[in-house]
Protein backbone atom coordinates (compact mmCIF):
# COMPACT_ATOMS: atom_id res chain seq x y z
CA MET A 1 -86.75 80.08 -137.67
CA ILE A 2 -89.22 78.52 -140.13
CA THR A 3 -91.53 77.25 -137.39
CA PHE A 4 -90.92 80.43 -135.39
CA LEU A 5 -92.30 82.61 -138.19
CA SER A 6 -95.26 80.31 -138.73
CA VAL A 7 -96.23 80.51 -135.06
CA ILE A 8 -96.14 84.32 -135.21
CA PHE A 9 -98.63 84.34 -138.09
CA VAL A 10 -100.92 81.76 -136.48
CA GLY A 11 -100.87 83.58 -133.14
CA HIS A 12 -102.97 86.40 -134.53
CA LEU A 13 -105.71 84.03 -135.71
CA GLY A 14 -106.84 83.09 -132.20
CA PRO A 15 -105.89 81.10 -129.07
CA ALA A 16 -107.26 77.80 -130.40
CA GLU A 17 -105.31 78.06 -133.66
CA LEU A 18 -102.14 79.05 -131.80
CA ALA A 19 -102.53 76.13 -129.39
CA ALA A 20 -103.07 73.64 -132.23
CA ALA A 21 -100.15 74.92 -134.30
CA SER A 22 -97.85 74.99 -131.27
CA LEU A 23 -98.76 71.49 -130.15
CA GLY A 24 -98.57 70.20 -133.71
CA SER A 25 -95.10 71.67 -134.15
CA SER A 26 -94.04 70.08 -130.87
CA LEU A 27 -95.13 66.62 -131.97
CA LEU A 28 -93.43 67.07 -135.33
CA ASN A 29 -90.27 67.94 -133.45
CA ILE A 30 -90.47 65.06 -130.97
CA LEU A 31 -91.36 62.29 -133.40
CA GLY A 32 -89.84 63.64 -136.59
CA LEU A 33 -87.34 66.47 -136.74
CA ALA A 34 -85.51 65.61 -133.51
CA VAL A 35 -85.06 62.00 -134.59
CA MET A 36 -83.67 63.06 -137.96
CA ALA A 37 -81.36 65.71 -136.53
CA GLY A 38 -80.09 63.31 -133.88
CA LEU A 39 -79.29 60.46 -136.24
CA ALA A 40 -77.62 62.86 -138.66
CA GLY A 41 -75.24 63.79 -135.84
CA ALA A 42 -73.24 60.69 -136.75
CA ILE A 43 -72.21 62.44 -139.96
CA THR A 44 -70.56 65.20 -137.94
CA THR A 45 -68.41 62.71 -136.04
CA LEU A 46 -67.59 60.14 -138.72
CA SER A 47 -67.28 62.44 -141.73
CA GLY A 48 -65.56 65.17 -139.74
CA GLN A 49 -62.84 62.87 -138.45
CA ALA A 50 -62.49 61.20 -141.86
CA TYR A 51 -62.06 64.61 -143.49
CA GLY A 52 -59.44 65.62 -140.95
CA ALA A 53 -57.56 62.40 -141.71
CA LYS A 54 -57.85 63.09 -145.47
CA LYS A 55 -60.06 60.03 -146.01
CA TYR A 56 -62.15 61.98 -148.49
CA ALA A 57 -64.01 59.11 -150.15
CA LEU A 58 -65.24 57.92 -146.76
CA VAL A 59 -66.90 61.31 -146.16
CA GLY A 60 -69.18 60.72 -149.14
CA TYR A 61 -69.90 57.11 -148.17
CA VAL A 62 -71.08 58.21 -144.71
CA TRP A 63 -73.47 60.71 -146.27
CA GLN A 64 -74.90 58.05 -148.59
CA ARG A 65 -75.51 55.75 -145.63
CA ALA A 66 -77.27 58.54 -143.78
CA ILE A 67 -79.55 59.28 -146.74
CA ILE A 68 -80.65 55.64 -146.96
CA ILE A 69 -81.12 55.17 -143.22
CA LEU A 70 -82.98 58.41 -142.54
CA GLY A 71 -85.12 58.04 -145.65
CA SER A 72 -86.19 54.57 -144.52
CA LEU A 73 -87.09 55.80 -141.04
CA CYS A 74 -89.32 58.52 -142.48
CA ILE A 75 -91.87 55.85 -143.44
CA PRO A 76 -92.84 54.60 -139.94
CA ILE A 77 -92.53 58.12 -138.53
CA SER A 78 -94.99 59.42 -141.12
CA VAL A 79 -97.49 56.67 -140.33
CA LEU A 80 -97.28 57.42 -136.60
CA LEU A 81 -97.75 61.16 -137.08
CA PHE A 82 -100.63 60.70 -139.51
CA PHE A 83 -102.62 58.77 -136.89
CA VAL A 84 -101.58 60.83 -133.85
CA LYS A 85 -105.06 61.99 -132.77
CA PRO A 86 -105.75 59.00 -130.43
CA ILE A 87 -102.42 59.66 -128.70
CA LEU A 88 -103.41 63.28 -128.07
CA LEU A 89 -106.76 62.27 -126.62
CA ALA A 90 -105.10 59.63 -124.44
CA THR A 91 -102.73 62.24 -122.98
CA GLY A 92 -105.62 64.45 -121.86
CA GLN A 93 -105.81 67.05 -124.63
CA THR A 94 -109.27 68.44 -125.31
CA PRO A 95 -111.13 66.98 -128.33
CA THR A 96 -111.03 70.34 -130.12
CA VAL A 97 -107.29 70.82 -129.65
CA ALA A 98 -106.60 67.17 -130.54
CA ALA A 99 -108.59 67.38 -133.78
CA MET A 100 -107.06 70.69 -134.88
CA THR A 101 -103.55 69.52 -133.98
CA SER A 102 -103.92 66.26 -135.90
CA THR A 103 -105.05 68.12 -139.01
CA TYR A 104 -102.16 70.59 -138.70
CA ILE A 105 -99.64 67.73 -138.49
CA ARG A 106 -101.03 66.03 -141.59
CA TRP A 107 -100.60 69.20 -143.62
CA ALA A 108 -97.05 69.73 -142.36
CA LEU A 109 -96.01 66.06 -142.59
CA PRO A 110 -94.24 66.21 -145.99
CA GLY A 111 -91.82 68.66 -144.40
CA VAL A 112 -90.35 65.85 -142.28
CA TRP A 113 -89.02 64.20 -145.44
CA GLY A 114 -87.59 67.48 -146.67
CA PHE A 115 -85.96 68.16 -143.33
CA ALA A 116 -84.40 64.67 -143.27
CA ALA A 117 -82.81 65.28 -146.66
CA TYR A 118 -81.69 68.77 -145.69
CA ILE A 119 -80.09 67.84 -142.36
CA THR A 120 -77.98 65.08 -143.92
CA ALA A 121 -76.72 67.44 -146.63
CA THR A 122 -76.02 70.14 -144.06
CA ASN A 123 -73.95 67.87 -141.82
CA TYR A 124 -72.11 66.46 -144.84
CA LEU A 125 -70.97 69.95 -145.82
CA GLN A 126 -70.25 71.06 -142.25
CA ALA A 127 -67.92 68.12 -141.76
CA GLN A 128 -65.81 69.64 -144.55
CA LYS A 129 -65.85 73.14 -143.02
CA ILE A 130 -68.36 74.28 -145.66
CA VAL A 131 -71.09 76.36 -144.01
CA ARG A 132 -71.69 79.39 -146.22
CA PRO A 133 -74.12 77.58 -148.59
CA GLN A 134 -76.37 76.64 -145.66
CA VAL A 135 -76.47 80.26 -144.53
CA VAL A 136 -77.30 81.52 -148.01
CA THR A 137 -79.99 78.91 -148.69
CA SER A 138 -81.57 79.45 -145.27
CA ALA A 139 -81.66 83.21 -145.86
CA ILE A 140 -83.33 82.71 -149.24
CA VAL A 141 -85.96 80.36 -147.82
CA LEU A 142 -86.67 82.59 -144.83
CA ALA A 143 -87.20 85.53 -147.18
CA ILE A 144 -89.77 83.43 -149.06
CA HIS A 145 -91.36 81.84 -145.99
CA ALA A 146 -92.99 84.97 -144.56
CA PRO A 147 -94.89 85.99 -147.72
CA MET A 148 -95.72 82.32 -148.28
CA ASN A 149 -97.48 82.27 -144.91
CA LEU A 150 -99.47 85.36 -145.84
CA LEU A 151 -100.38 83.80 -149.18
CA PHE A 152 -101.53 80.47 -147.78
CA ILE A 153 -103.20 81.76 -144.60
CA TYR A 154 -105.04 84.79 -145.95
CA THR A 155 -105.06 84.85 -149.77
CA PHE A 156 -105.89 81.15 -150.14
CA ASP A 157 -107.95 81.32 -146.93
CA LEU A 158 -106.40 78.18 -145.45
CA GLY A 159 -106.21 79.65 -141.94
CA TYR A 160 -103.81 78.02 -139.51
CA LEU A 161 -103.35 75.10 -141.92
CA GLY A 162 -101.70 77.51 -144.33
CA ALA A 163 -98.85 77.86 -141.84
CA ALA A 164 -98.45 74.06 -141.79
CA LEU A 165 -98.29 73.93 -145.57
CA ALA A 166 -95.82 76.82 -145.69
CA THR A 167 -93.60 75.00 -143.19
CA ALA A 168 -93.57 71.81 -145.29
CA VAL A 169 -92.80 73.70 -148.50
CA SER A 170 -90.00 75.69 -146.86
CA PHE A 171 -88.24 72.57 -145.56
CA TRP A 172 -88.19 71.17 -149.08
CA LEU A 173 -86.99 74.46 -150.54
CA GLN A 174 -84.09 74.43 -148.08
CA PHE A 175 -82.98 71.03 -149.28
CA LEU A 176 -83.47 71.71 -152.99
CA THR A 177 -81.52 74.97 -152.93
CA LEU A 178 -78.70 73.27 -151.04
CA LEU A 179 -78.75 70.37 -153.49
CA VAL A 180 -78.29 72.81 -156.36
CA TYR A 181 -75.09 74.01 -154.69
CA ILE A 182 -73.77 70.48 -154.18
CA LEU A 183 -74.57 69.30 -157.71
CA PHE A 184 -73.83 72.34 -159.83
CA LEU A 185 -71.43 74.46 -157.80
CA LYS A 186 -69.18 71.49 -156.98
CA GLY A 187 -69.78 71.55 -153.24
CA GLY A 188 -68.23 68.61 -151.44
CA GLU A 189 -65.45 67.82 -153.91
CA PRO A 190 -63.35 65.71 -153.66
CA THR A 191 -65.49 63.81 -151.14
CA TRP A 192 -68.29 62.92 -153.56
CA THR A 193 -67.28 60.17 -155.97
CA GLY A 194 -70.81 59.14 -156.96
CA TRP A 195 -73.12 56.52 -155.53
CA SER A 196 -71.29 53.37 -154.50
CA ARG A 197 -72.13 49.96 -153.10
CA GLU A 198 -69.76 50.83 -150.29
CA CYS A 199 -72.60 52.83 -148.71
CA LEU A 200 -74.40 49.54 -148.07
CA ARG A 201 -71.57 48.30 -145.85
CA ASP A 202 -70.40 49.24 -142.35
CA TRP A 203 -73.81 50.30 -141.09
CA TRP A 204 -73.01 49.14 -137.58
CA PRO A 205 -70.29 51.77 -136.98
CA PHE A 206 -72.77 54.38 -138.21
CA PHE A 207 -75.50 53.21 -135.83
CA LYS A 208 -73.04 53.05 -132.93
CA ILE A 209 -72.65 56.82 -133.28
CA ALA A 210 -76.08 57.71 -134.71
CA VAL A 211 -78.31 56.21 -132.02
CA PRO A 212 -76.46 57.84 -129.09
CA SER A 213 -76.43 61.08 -131.13
CA MET A 214 -80.21 60.90 -131.37
CA LEU A 215 -80.56 60.20 -127.66
CA LEU A 216 -78.09 62.99 -126.95
CA ILE A 217 -80.66 65.56 -128.07
CA SER A 218 -83.45 64.07 -125.98
CA GLU A 219 -83.49 67.49 -124.32
CA TRP A 220 -85.47 68.49 -127.41
CA TRP A 221 -88.06 65.85 -126.58
CA ALA A 222 -88.23 67.04 -122.99
CA SER A 223 -88.82 70.62 -124.12
CA GLU A 224 -91.65 69.56 -126.39
CA LEU A 225 -93.15 67.38 -123.65
CA MET A 226 -93.22 70.51 -121.53
CA VAL A 227 -95.37 72.15 -124.22
CA MET A 228 -97.78 69.23 -124.05
CA MET A 229 -97.88 69.54 -120.26
CA GLY A 230 -98.95 73.15 -120.72
CA GLY A 231 -102.09 71.88 -122.45
CA LEU A 232 -103.07 70.03 -119.25
CA LEU A 233 -103.03 73.15 -117.06
CA PRO A 234 -106.16 75.16 -116.18
CA GLU A 235 -107.09 77.61 -118.96
CA ALA A 236 -105.40 75.17 -121.29
CA GLU A 237 -105.45 77.27 -124.46
CA ARG A 238 -103.79 80.31 -122.86
CA GLN A 239 -101.30 78.25 -120.83
CA LEU A 240 -100.41 76.11 -123.83
CA SER A 241 -99.96 79.20 -125.98
CA ALA A 242 -97.70 80.80 -123.36
CA VAL A 243 -95.41 77.81 -122.98
CA ALA A 244 -95.32 77.35 -126.75
CA ILE A 245 -94.24 80.96 -127.25
CA TYR A 246 -91.64 80.47 -124.52
CA GLN A 247 -90.23 77.45 -126.33
CA THR A 248 -90.41 79.18 -129.71
CA THR A 249 -88.41 82.10 -128.32
CA ASN A 250 -86.02 79.66 -126.71
CA ALA A 251 -85.54 77.90 -130.05
CA MET A 252 -84.69 81.20 -131.71
CA CYS A 253 -82.11 82.01 -129.00
CA PHE A 254 -80.77 78.49 -129.30
CA MET A 255 -79.60 79.25 -132.85
CA LEU A 256 -76.80 81.47 -131.54
CA SER A 257 -75.29 78.72 -129.42
CA LEU A 258 -76.00 76.18 -132.14
CA GLY A 259 -73.82 78.15 -134.54
CA ILE A 260 -70.94 78.05 -132.06
CA SER A 261 -71.64 74.38 -131.36
CA THR A 262 -71.53 73.55 -135.06
CA ALA A 263 -68.22 75.37 -135.45
CA VAL A 264 -66.56 73.65 -132.50
CA SER A 265 -67.95 70.22 -133.42
CA THR A 266 -66.51 70.50 -136.92
CA ARG A 267 -63.20 71.90 -135.67
CA VAL A 268 -62.76 69.29 -132.94
CA SER A 269 -63.58 66.37 -135.23
CA ASN A 270 -61.27 67.68 -137.97
CA GLU A 271 -58.37 68.33 -135.61
CA LEU A 272 -58.66 64.95 -133.89
CA GLY A 273 -58.83 63.23 -137.27
CA ALA A 274 -55.72 65.15 -138.35
CA GLY A 275 -53.88 64.12 -135.16
CA ARG A 276 -53.75 67.60 -133.59
CA PRO A 277 -55.32 67.16 -130.13
CA HIS A 278 -53.90 70.42 -128.76
CA LEU A 279 -55.81 72.42 -131.38
CA ALA A 280 -58.99 70.48 -130.60
CA SER A 281 -58.61 71.36 -126.91
CA HIS A 282 -58.02 75.03 -127.69
CA ALA A 283 -61.07 75.11 -129.95
CA CYS A 284 -63.16 73.83 -127.05
CA SER A 285 -61.91 76.58 -124.73
CA VAL A 286 -62.45 79.36 -127.25
CA SER A 287 -65.99 78.24 -128.06
CA LEU A 288 -67.02 78.14 -124.40
CA CYS A 289 -65.70 81.64 -123.73
CA LEU A 290 -67.42 83.00 -126.82
CA ASP A 291 -70.73 81.37 -125.93
CA VAL A 292 -70.74 82.78 -122.39
CA VAL A 293 -70.23 86.31 -123.69
CA CYS A 294 -72.95 85.95 -126.34
CA THR A 295 -75.59 84.36 -124.11
CA LEU A 296 -75.04 86.88 -121.32
CA GLY A 297 -75.88 89.63 -123.79
CA LEU A 298 -78.82 87.68 -125.17
CA GLY A 299 -80.23 87.05 -121.69
CA ALA A 300 -80.02 90.76 -120.91
CA LEU A 301 -81.97 91.61 -124.08
CA ILE A 302 -84.70 89.10 -123.24
CA PHE A 303 -85.10 90.58 -119.78
CA LEU A 304 -85.22 94.18 -121.04
CA PHE A 305 -87.83 93.54 -123.75
CA ARG A 306 -89.94 90.93 -121.97
CA HIS A 307 -93.06 93.13 -121.86
CA GLN A 308 -93.00 93.90 -125.58
CA TRP A 309 -92.18 90.43 -126.87
CA GLY A 310 -95.57 88.81 -126.33
CA LEU A 311 -97.28 91.41 -128.52
CA LEU A 312 -95.54 89.92 -131.56
CA PHE A 313 -97.52 86.71 -131.10
CA SER A 314 -100.91 87.76 -129.78
CA ASN A 315 -103.11 90.75 -128.94
CA ASP A 316 -104.36 89.00 -125.78
CA ALA A 317 -103.30 91.23 -122.84
CA GLN A 318 -103.42 88.40 -120.29
CA LEU A 319 -101.31 86.18 -122.50
CA SER A 320 -98.76 88.96 -123.05
CA HIS A 321 -98.48 89.51 -119.29
CA LEU A 322 -97.94 85.80 -118.68
CA ILE A 323 -95.26 85.69 -121.37
CA ALA A 324 -93.44 88.61 -119.74
CA GLU A 325 -93.30 86.68 -116.45
CA ILE A 326 -91.83 83.50 -117.91
CA LEU A 327 -89.32 85.40 -120.04
CA VAL A 328 -87.59 86.34 -116.79
CA ILE A 329 -86.83 82.63 -116.39
CA LEU A 330 -85.80 82.35 -120.03
CA SER A 331 -83.23 85.15 -119.61
CA GLY A 332 -81.30 82.84 -117.27
CA TYR A 333 -82.14 79.66 -119.14
CA VAL A 334 -80.42 80.74 -122.37
CA ILE A 335 -77.09 81.06 -120.53
CA VAL A 336 -76.99 77.55 -119.07
CA ASP A 337 -78.60 76.07 -122.18
CA GLY A 338 -75.94 77.71 -124.33
CA LEU A 339 -73.22 76.03 -122.30
CA SER A 340 -74.87 72.63 -122.63
CA VAL A 341 -75.30 73.08 -126.39
CA VAL A 342 -71.68 74.08 -127.02
CA LEU A 343 -70.37 71.33 -124.76
CA GLY A 344 -72.61 68.95 -126.67
CA GLY A 345 -70.89 70.06 -129.87
CA VAL A 346 -67.55 69.14 -128.33
CA VAL A 347 -68.95 65.75 -127.31
CA LYS A 348 -70.12 65.07 -130.88
CA GLY A 349 -66.81 66.16 -132.35
CA VAL A 350 -64.96 63.76 -130.05
CA GLY A 351 -67.45 60.93 -130.58
CA LYS A 352 -68.50 60.56 -126.93
CA GLN A 353 -72.25 60.46 -127.57
CA ALA A 354 -72.73 57.07 -125.92
CA VAL A 355 -70.98 58.24 -122.74
CA ALA A 356 -72.90 61.52 -122.60
CA THR A 357 -76.40 60.18 -123.26
CA PRO A 358 -77.09 58.90 -119.69
CA PHE A 359 -76.30 62.38 -118.34
CA VAL A 360 -78.89 63.90 -120.65
CA PHE A 361 -81.57 61.42 -119.62
CA PHE A 362 -80.82 61.95 -115.95
CA SER A 363 -80.89 65.74 -116.28
CA TYR A 364 -84.28 65.97 -117.97
CA TYR A 365 -86.19 62.81 -117.14
CA ALA A 366 -85.04 62.40 -113.53
CA VAL A 367 -84.68 66.09 -112.69
CA GLY A 368 -86.15 68.56 -115.20
CA LEU A 369 -89.54 67.10 -116.10
CA PRO A 370 -90.36 65.76 -112.60
CA LEU A 371 -89.57 69.17 -111.10
CA ALA A 372 -91.61 70.87 -113.83
CA ALA A 373 -94.59 68.67 -112.97
CA LEU A 374 -94.09 69.32 -109.25
CA PHE A 375 -93.84 73.10 -109.60
CA GLY A 376 -96.46 73.42 -112.33
CA PHE A 377 -99.20 71.11 -111.04
CA GLN A 378 -98.64 70.12 -107.42
CA LEU A 379 -97.45 73.54 -106.24
CA LYS A 380 -99.88 75.40 -108.55
CA GLY A 381 -97.10 77.30 -110.29
CA GLY A 382 -98.65 76.86 -113.72
CA VAL A 383 -96.52 77.60 -116.74
CA LYS A 384 -93.95 79.42 -114.58
CA GLY A 385 -93.43 76.23 -112.60
CA LEU A 386 -92.93 74.23 -115.79
CA CYS A 387 -90.27 76.65 -117.02
CA LEU A 388 -88.48 76.72 -113.67
CA GLY A 389 -88.28 72.93 -113.53
CA MET A 390 -86.73 72.77 -116.97
CA LEU A 391 -84.24 75.49 -116.04
CA LEU A 392 -82.98 73.35 -113.16
CA GLY A 393 -82.77 70.27 -115.38
CA THR A 394 -80.73 72.19 -117.95
CA ALA A 395 -78.37 73.42 -115.23
CA VAL A 396 -77.70 69.79 -114.27
CA HIS A 397 -77.15 68.96 -117.95
CA ALA A 398 -74.57 71.73 -118.40
CA THR A 399 -72.77 70.75 -115.20
CA CYS A 400 -72.50 67.08 -116.17
CA PHE A 401 -71.21 67.92 -119.64
CA PHE A 402 -68.67 70.36 -118.25
CA PHE A 403 -67.06 67.69 -116.08
CA LEU A 404 -67.22 65.16 -118.92
CA VAL A 405 -65.32 67.48 -121.28
CA TRP A 406 -62.96 68.66 -118.54
CA ARG A 407 -61.77 65.08 -117.94
CA LEU A 408 -61.10 64.30 -121.62
CA ASP A 409 -57.68 62.95 -122.56
CA TRP A 410 -57.30 64.74 -125.89
CA SER A 411 -54.30 62.69 -127.03
CA LEU A 412 -56.19 59.48 -126.40
CA GLU A 413 -59.22 60.81 -128.29
CA ALA A 414 -56.98 61.65 -131.26
CA GLN A 415 -55.76 58.04 -131.31
CA LYS A 416 -59.36 56.78 -131.17
CA ALA A 417 -60.23 59.03 -134.09
CA ALA A 418 -57.29 57.58 -136.03
CA ASP A 419 -58.53 54.06 -135.33
CA ARG A 420 -62.08 55.03 -136.31
CA VAL A 421 -61.10 56.25 -139.77
CA GLY A 422 -58.67 53.39 -140.40
CA ILE A 423 -55.22 54.89 -140.09
CA SER A 424 -53.96 52.04 -137.93
CA LYS A 425 -55.96 49.12 -139.37
CA ARG A 426 -55.89 47.47 -142.75
CA ALA A 427 -57.38 43.97 -142.55
CA GLY A 428 -60.76 42.73 -143.69
CA GLU A 429 -63.60 44.25 -145.69
CA THR A 430 -64.24 46.92 -143.16
CA MET A 431 -64.56 50.67 -143.26
CA GLU A 432 -60.78 50.85 -143.27
CA HIS A 433 -60.59 48.62 -146.36
CA LEU A 434 -63.05 50.79 -148.23
CA ILE A 435 -60.81 53.82 -148.03
CA ALA A 436 -57.47 52.14 -148.71
CA HIS A 437 -57.56 53.24 -152.33
CA ASP A 438 -58.34 56.80 -151.28
CA GLU A 439 -55.42 56.79 -148.86
CA ASP A 440 -52.98 55.75 -151.60
CA LYS A 441 -54.35 58.41 -153.89
CA GLU A 442 -54.01 61.14 -151.31
CA GLN A 443 -50.54 60.15 -150.09
CA GLY A 444 -48.14 63.04 -150.23
CA ASP A 445 -50.95 65.57 -150.70
CA LEU A 446 -50.07 68.77 -148.91
CA TYR A 447 -53.57 70.24 -149.15
CA GLU A 448 -54.34 70.18 -145.43
CA ASP A 449 -50.77 70.93 -144.33
CA GLU A 450 -50.83 74.26 -146.18
CA ARG A 451 -53.92 75.22 -144.16
CA MET A 452 -52.21 75.08 -140.77
CA VAL A 453 -52.59 78.26 -138.72
CA GLU A 454 -50.88 79.88 -135.78
CA SER A 455 -53.76 79.79 -133.30
CA THR A 456 -57.01 78.00 -132.75
CA GLY A 457 -58.58 81.34 -131.88
CA GLU A 458 -58.19 82.35 -135.53
CA LEU A 459 -59.57 79.00 -136.66
CA MET A 460 -62.66 79.28 -134.45
CA SER A 461 -63.20 82.86 -135.55
CA GLU A 462 -63.21 81.81 -139.19
CA ASP A 463 -65.62 78.91 -138.59
CA LEU A 464 -68.05 81.05 -136.60
CA THR A 465 -67.85 83.85 -139.13
CA GLU A 466 -68.82 81.40 -141.84
CA ALA A 467 -71.66 80.01 -139.68
CA VAL A 468 -73.36 83.40 -139.31
CA GLY A 469 -72.97 84.35 -142.96
CA SER A 470 -70.18 86.94 -142.72
CA GLN A 471 -68.50 88.04 -145.86
CA HIS A 472 -64.97 87.53 -144.50
CA GLN A 473 -62.39 85.76 -146.56
CA ASP A 474 -62.63 81.98 -146.65
CA VAL A 475 -60.78 79.63 -144.37
CA GLU A 476 -58.26 78.49 -146.94
CA LYS A 477 -56.97 82.00 -147.59
CA ALA A 478 -56.81 82.96 -143.91
CA SER A 479 -55.05 79.76 -142.98
CA HIS A 480 -52.51 80.09 -145.80
CA ASN A 481 -51.68 83.67 -144.79
CA SER A 482 -51.27 82.65 -141.16
CA ALA A 483 -48.90 79.85 -142.14
CA ASN A 484 -46.75 82.23 -144.21
CA ARG A 485 -46.50 84.65 -141.30
C-alpha cells in the first residue's frame, strides 16, 4: 500500500514522472524487496514449527540469524541499485526514462534497509500467531504516508522524487513502530532471550529454507519484468504507465489473499510442529475456500468499476481507457493468483519451498513471460497481450501448486517438522543441541495444550480476523473457551 499511494500521487504529475516512478518501484521490488521478503520466508517455516513444538528459544535464534543475513545482503543490493542506469539503457529504456528512474531509485534506496528489518520482525511475530501489532503499525504509517507525499512533492517542491523519499521514510517508520512493540510491550516473549552466539551457528539449515523461499516468490520478479517490457512497447510512456497501474492495482488486491496466506502458513507450521497434522490439513482446506469466496467478490468489483479506476491515477483519457481494458483481464487474474498465493502459504508452512520452486520457474519463465512477449510484441497486442500472457502463467502456477498440496502426506510432514526442530535428535552441536536447555525448561508446560480448540475453522477465523485488524477477542481466550466447551 505504501508504493500504491506514492504512485497515485506521482500519476498526476505527468506521464514521464509516472513512468519513472513505476519503473523505479519495479526495480526496487525485483532487486531489493522481493529478495528480502523471500529470504525472510524461512522464518515462517523454521520459527513457526519451532513455536508449535514449544522450542521457544529457537524462535528467537532464527530471527537473529535472519537479521544478520538480510542486513549483510543489503550492502551488495544497494550498490547494484545505485548504479542501475546502465542496466536500464542496456534493456532498451529511453535515456530520459532511464535517468529519471535511476534518480528515483537512489532517493528510495534507504527504504530497502528499513523493509529488510521490518519483514524479519513481521515474520518473527507471525510465527508466534502475533499479527495485531503489524496491522496497527501499518495503519499508523499509512495514515502518515499520504500527507507525507503531499509535503515532500508539493510543499518541499521535490516533485516525483518526493514520493521516493516518502516511501523510504515510511518503510523505516514501519520497522521502528514495530520495534517499539517488541521492546517495550513485551512482544515475542518468551521467545526472545537476548542476543546469543547461537545465532552464528546452524546457518546452513536456514539457507536450505531461505533460498528456495526467495525463489518461490520469483513470480514477483516476473510481474516486475512485465512492467519493464511495457516500456519497450510503442508509446512507451503511456504503455508503461498502464501496465504499472495494472500491477499496482494487482498488488493492492494481492493483500487480501496474502492475509489468508499468512494465516494458513502460520497455522500449518504451528500445527505440524505440535504434531497435529489433521488440523494442518483442515486449515489448508478452510483457507482455500475462504480465498475463493473473497477473490470472486474482488474480481466482480474490479470489473464493475474498471472505467472509473484509471481516473485515480491520471487525467489522461487515453490512458484511462487503456486501463479499463486491461482491468477486465485483472478481474480474472486475481482469482487464480489468490489460489496460488494461499497454496504458497501452505507450501511455506510445510517447508516444501525447494520442491515448489521449479513449478514457479516453469509457470512464469517458460509459460507466462514468453506468452506475454508473444502476445504483446509479435501479435501486436500491446499491454493487453502482456497481461494475458501473465494470466496464463499464473493459471499454470496455481494448478501445479494445487496438485503439490493435494498429494501431501500430512502425517509424514509432521514427522519431518519434528525432526527439523530437534524432537527426535540430540547429538552434536546442532540446532537440536542449542534448544536442549529450552526443552528441559518447558517440559510439563501446559501452555499450548490449554489452547486446543474444537475445529480448525475457528482457528483459521481467529488468525484471519487478527490479520485484518479486527477487534475480536484474542486467540488465547477463544481457544480456552472452545476447550472448556
